[in-house]
Amino acid sequence: TDNAGVLVLAATNIPWSLDTAIRRRFEQRIYIPLPGMNERAAMFKTHLGTNTFHTIKEHEWMQ
């Protein structure tokens, strides 16, 4: 079977609990840390926007 051009991408929140057989099948691992407070606020502003009905105040998502 020709696998040229095939990309397999996986993501998990708990990489330490993956079976070693699964982990060794991936050639490369990229760690992406959790976003900081400023990044989280930017994501909330982007996804909630001004046209979305919500009652979340900015100080609440900064907690």
N, C-alpha and C. Protein backbone atom coordinates (compact mmCIF):
# COMPACT_ATOMS: atom_id res chain seq x y z
N THR A 1 0.85 -1.18 0.00
CA THR A 1 0.00 0.00 0.00
C THR A 1 0.89 1.24 0.00
N ASP A 2 0.58 2.18 -0.84
CA ASP A 2 1.33 3.42 -0.92
C ASP A 2 0.76 4.43 0.07
N ASN A 3 1.55 4.78 1.07
CA ASN A 3 1.10 5.73 2.09
C ASN A 3 1.67 7.12 1.88
N ALA A 4 2.23 7.38 0.71
CA ALA A 4 2.80 8.70 0.44
C ALA A 4 1.71 9.76 0.57
N GLY A 5 2.03 10.82 1.28
CA GLY A 5 1.07 11.90 1.43
C GLY A 5 0.05 11.67 2.52
N VAL A 6 0.18 10.60 3.28
CA VAL A 6 -0.77 10.31 4.36
C VAL A 6 -0.23 10.92 5.65
N LEU A 7 -1.07 11.65 6.34
CA LEU A 7 -0.71 12.26 7.60
C LEU A 7 -1.70 11.78 8.66
N VAL A 8 -1.17 11.29 9.75
CA VAL A 8 -2.02 10.89 10.88
C VAL A 8 -1.70 11.84 12.02
N LEU A 9 -2.72 12.50 12.51
CA LEU A 9 -2.57 13.48 13.57
C LEU A 9 -3.45 13.05 14.73
N ALA A 10 -2.90 13.11 15.93
CA ALA A 10 -3.66 12.73 17.12
C ALA A 10 -3.46 13.80 18.19
N ALA A 11 -4.43 13.91 19.07
CA ALA A 11 -4.34 14.87 20.16
C ALA A 11 -4.95 14.25 21.41
N THR A 12 -4.39 14.61 22.55
CA THR A 12 -4.93 14.12 23.81
C THR A 12 -4.62 15.13 24.91
N ASN A 13 -5.45 15.14 25.92
CA ASN A 13 -5.20 15.96 27.11
C ASN A 13 -4.42 15.19 28.16
N ILE A 14 -4.30 13.88 27.98
CA ILE A 14 -3.62 13.05 28.97
C ILE A 14 -2.61 12.11 28.30
N PRO A 15 -1.54 12.65 27.73
CA PRO A 15 -0.58 11.82 27.00
C PRO A 15 0.10 10.77 27.88
N TRP A 16 0.24 11.03 29.16
CA TRP A 16 0.90 10.09 30.05
C TRP A 16 0.11 8.81 30.25
N SER A 17 -1.17 8.83 29.91
CA SER A 17 -1.97 7.62 30.10
C SER A 17 -2.11 6.79 28.83
N LEU A 18 -1.49 7.23 27.73
CA LEU A 18 -1.56 6.46 26.50
C LEU A 18 -0.70 5.21 26.60
N ASP A 19 -1.18 4.16 26.00
CA ASP A 19 -0.42 2.91 25.95
C ASP A 19 0.88 3.13 25.19
N THR A 20 1.95 2.50 25.63
CA THR A 20 3.25 2.68 24.97
C THR A 20 3.22 2.20 23.52
N ALA A 21 2.41 1.20 23.21
CA ALA A 21 2.31 0.72 21.83
C ALA A 21 1.75 1.81 20.91
N ILE A 22 0.84 2.60 21.42
CA ILE A 22 0.29 3.71 20.63
C ILE A 22 1.34 4.80 20.48
N ARG A 23 2.00 5.16 21.59
CA ARG A 23 2.97 6.25 21.55
C ARG A 23 4.13 5.98 20.61
N ARG A 24 4.61 4.76 20.55
CA ARG A 24 5.77 4.48 19.72
C ARG A 24 5.44 4.48 18.22
N ARG A 25 4.18 4.47 17.88
CA ARG A 25 3.79 4.51 16.46
C ARG A 25 3.83 5.92 15.88
N PHE A 26 3.96 6.90 16.73
CA PHE A 26 4.07 8.28 16.27
C PHE A 26 5.53 8.71 16.31
N GLU A 27 6.03 9.17 15.17
CA GLU A 27 7.43 9.54 15.07
C GLU A 27 7.76 10.82 15.82
N GLN A 28 6.83 11.72 15.86
CA GLN A 28 7.10 13.03 16.44
C GLN A 28 6.00 13.41 17.42
N ARG A 29 6.42 14.05 18.50
CA ARG A 29 5.46 14.55 19.48
C ARG A 29 5.70 16.04 19.66
N ILE A 30 4.63 16.78 19.70
CA ILE A 30 4.72 18.22 19.90
C ILE A 30 3.89 18.58 21.12
N TYR A 31 4.53 19.18 22.11
CA TYR A 31 3.83 19.60 23.32
C TYR A 31 3.31 21.01 23.11
N ILE A 32 2.04 21.20 23.34
CA ILE A 32 1.43 22.52 23.27
C ILE A 32 0.86 22.81 24.66
N PRO A 33 1.45 23.75 25.37
CA PRO A 33 1.00 24.02 26.74
C PRO A 33 -0.38 24.68 26.76
N LEU A 34 -0.98 24.65 27.92
CA LEU A 34 -2.27 25.32 28.10
C LEU A 34 -2.09 26.82 27.91
N PRO A 35 -3.11 27.49 27.42
CA PRO A 35 -2.99 28.94 27.23
C PRO A 35 -2.96 29.67 28.57
N GLY A 36 -2.29 30.80 28.57
CA GLY A 36 -2.24 31.65 29.75
C GLY A 36 -3.52 32.48 29.86
N MET A 37 -3.59 33.31 30.89
CA MET A 37 -4.79 34.10 31.13
C MET A 37 -5.12 35.04 29.96
N ASN A 38 -4.11 35.71 29.42
CA ASN A 38 -4.37 36.63 28.31
C ASN A 38 -4.87 35.89 27.08
N GLU A 39 -4.29 34.74 26.80
CA GLU A 39 -4.72 33.93 25.66
C GLU A 39 -6.14 33.41 25.85
N ARG A 40 -6.46 33.01 27.07
CA ARG A 40 -7.81 32.54 27.35
C ARG A 40 -8.84 33.65 27.16
N ALA A 41 -8.50 34.83 27.65
CA ALA A 41 -9.40 35.97 27.48
C ALA A 41 -9.62 36.28 26.01
N ALA A 42 -8.55 36.23 25.22
CA ALA A 42 -8.66 36.48 23.78
C ALA A 42 -9.55 35.44 23.11
N MET A 43 -9.43 34.18 23.53
CA MET A 43 -10.27 33.12 22.95
C MET A 43 -11.74 33.34 23.30
N PHE A 44 -12.01 33.70 24.56
CA PHE A 44 -13.39 33.98 24.95
C PHE A 44 -13.96 35.13 24.14
N LYS A 45 -13.19 36.20 24.01
CA LYS A 45 -13.66 37.35 23.25
C LYS A 45 -13.92 36.98 21.79
N THR A 46 -13.04 36.17 21.22
CA THR A 46 -13.20 35.77 19.83
C THR A 46 -14.43 34.91 19.63
N HIS A 47 -14.62 33.93 20.51
CA HIS A 47 -15.70 32.96 20.31
C HIS A 47 -17.05 33.44 20.84
N LEU A 48 -17.04 34.26 21.87
CA LEU A 48 -18.31 34.78 22.38
C LEU A 48 -18.73 36.03 21.62
N GLY A 49 -17.75 36.84 21.27
CA GLY A 49 -18.02 38.03 20.47
C GLY A 49 -19.02 38.97 21.11
N THR A 50 -19.51 39.88 20.31
CA THR A 50 -20.49 40.84 20.81
C THR A 50 -21.89 40.50 20.32
N ASN A 51 -21.99 39.58 19.38
CA ASN A 51 -23.30 39.21 18.83
C ASN A 51 -23.86 37.93 19.43
N THR A 52 -23.15 37.37 20.40
CA THR A 52 -23.58 36.12 21.02
C THR A 52 -24.23 36.45 22.37
N PHE A 53 -25.40 35.89 22.61
CA PHE A 53 -26.05 36.11 23.89
C PHE A 53 -25.35 35.28 24.96
N HIS A 54 -24.85 35.93 25.96
CA HIS A 54 -24.25 35.26 27.11
C HIS A 54 -24.27 36.23 28.29
N THR A 55 -24.13 35.68 29.46
CA THR A 55 -24.13 36.50 30.67
C THR A 55 -22.78 36.46 31.37
N ILE A 56 -21.77 35.96 30.69
CA ILE A 56 -20.44 35.85 31.29
C ILE A 56 -19.76 37.21 31.24
N LYS A 57 -19.31 37.67 32.38
CA LYS A 57 -18.59 38.93 32.47
C LYS A 57 -17.09 38.65 32.32
N GLU A 58 -16.35 39.65 31.84
CA GLU A 58 -14.92 39.46 31.59
C GLU A 58 -14.16 39.02 32.83
N HIS A 59 -14.49 39.57 33.99
CA HIS A 59 -13.78 39.19 35.21
C HIS A 59 -14.04 37.72 35.57
N GLU A 60 -15.14 37.14 35.09
CA GLU A 60 -15.44 35.73 35.38
C GLU A 60 -14.55 34.79 34.59
N TRP A 61 -14.27 35.11 33.32
CA TRP A 61 -13.42 34.20 32.56
C TRP A 61 -11.95 34.41 32.88
N MET A 62 -11.63 35.47 33.58
CA MET A 62 -10.24 35.71 33.98
C MET A 62 -9.89 34.97 35.28
N GLN A 63 -10.86 34.31 35.89
CA GLN A 63 -10.61 33.61 37.15
C GLN A 63 -9.86 32.33 36.93
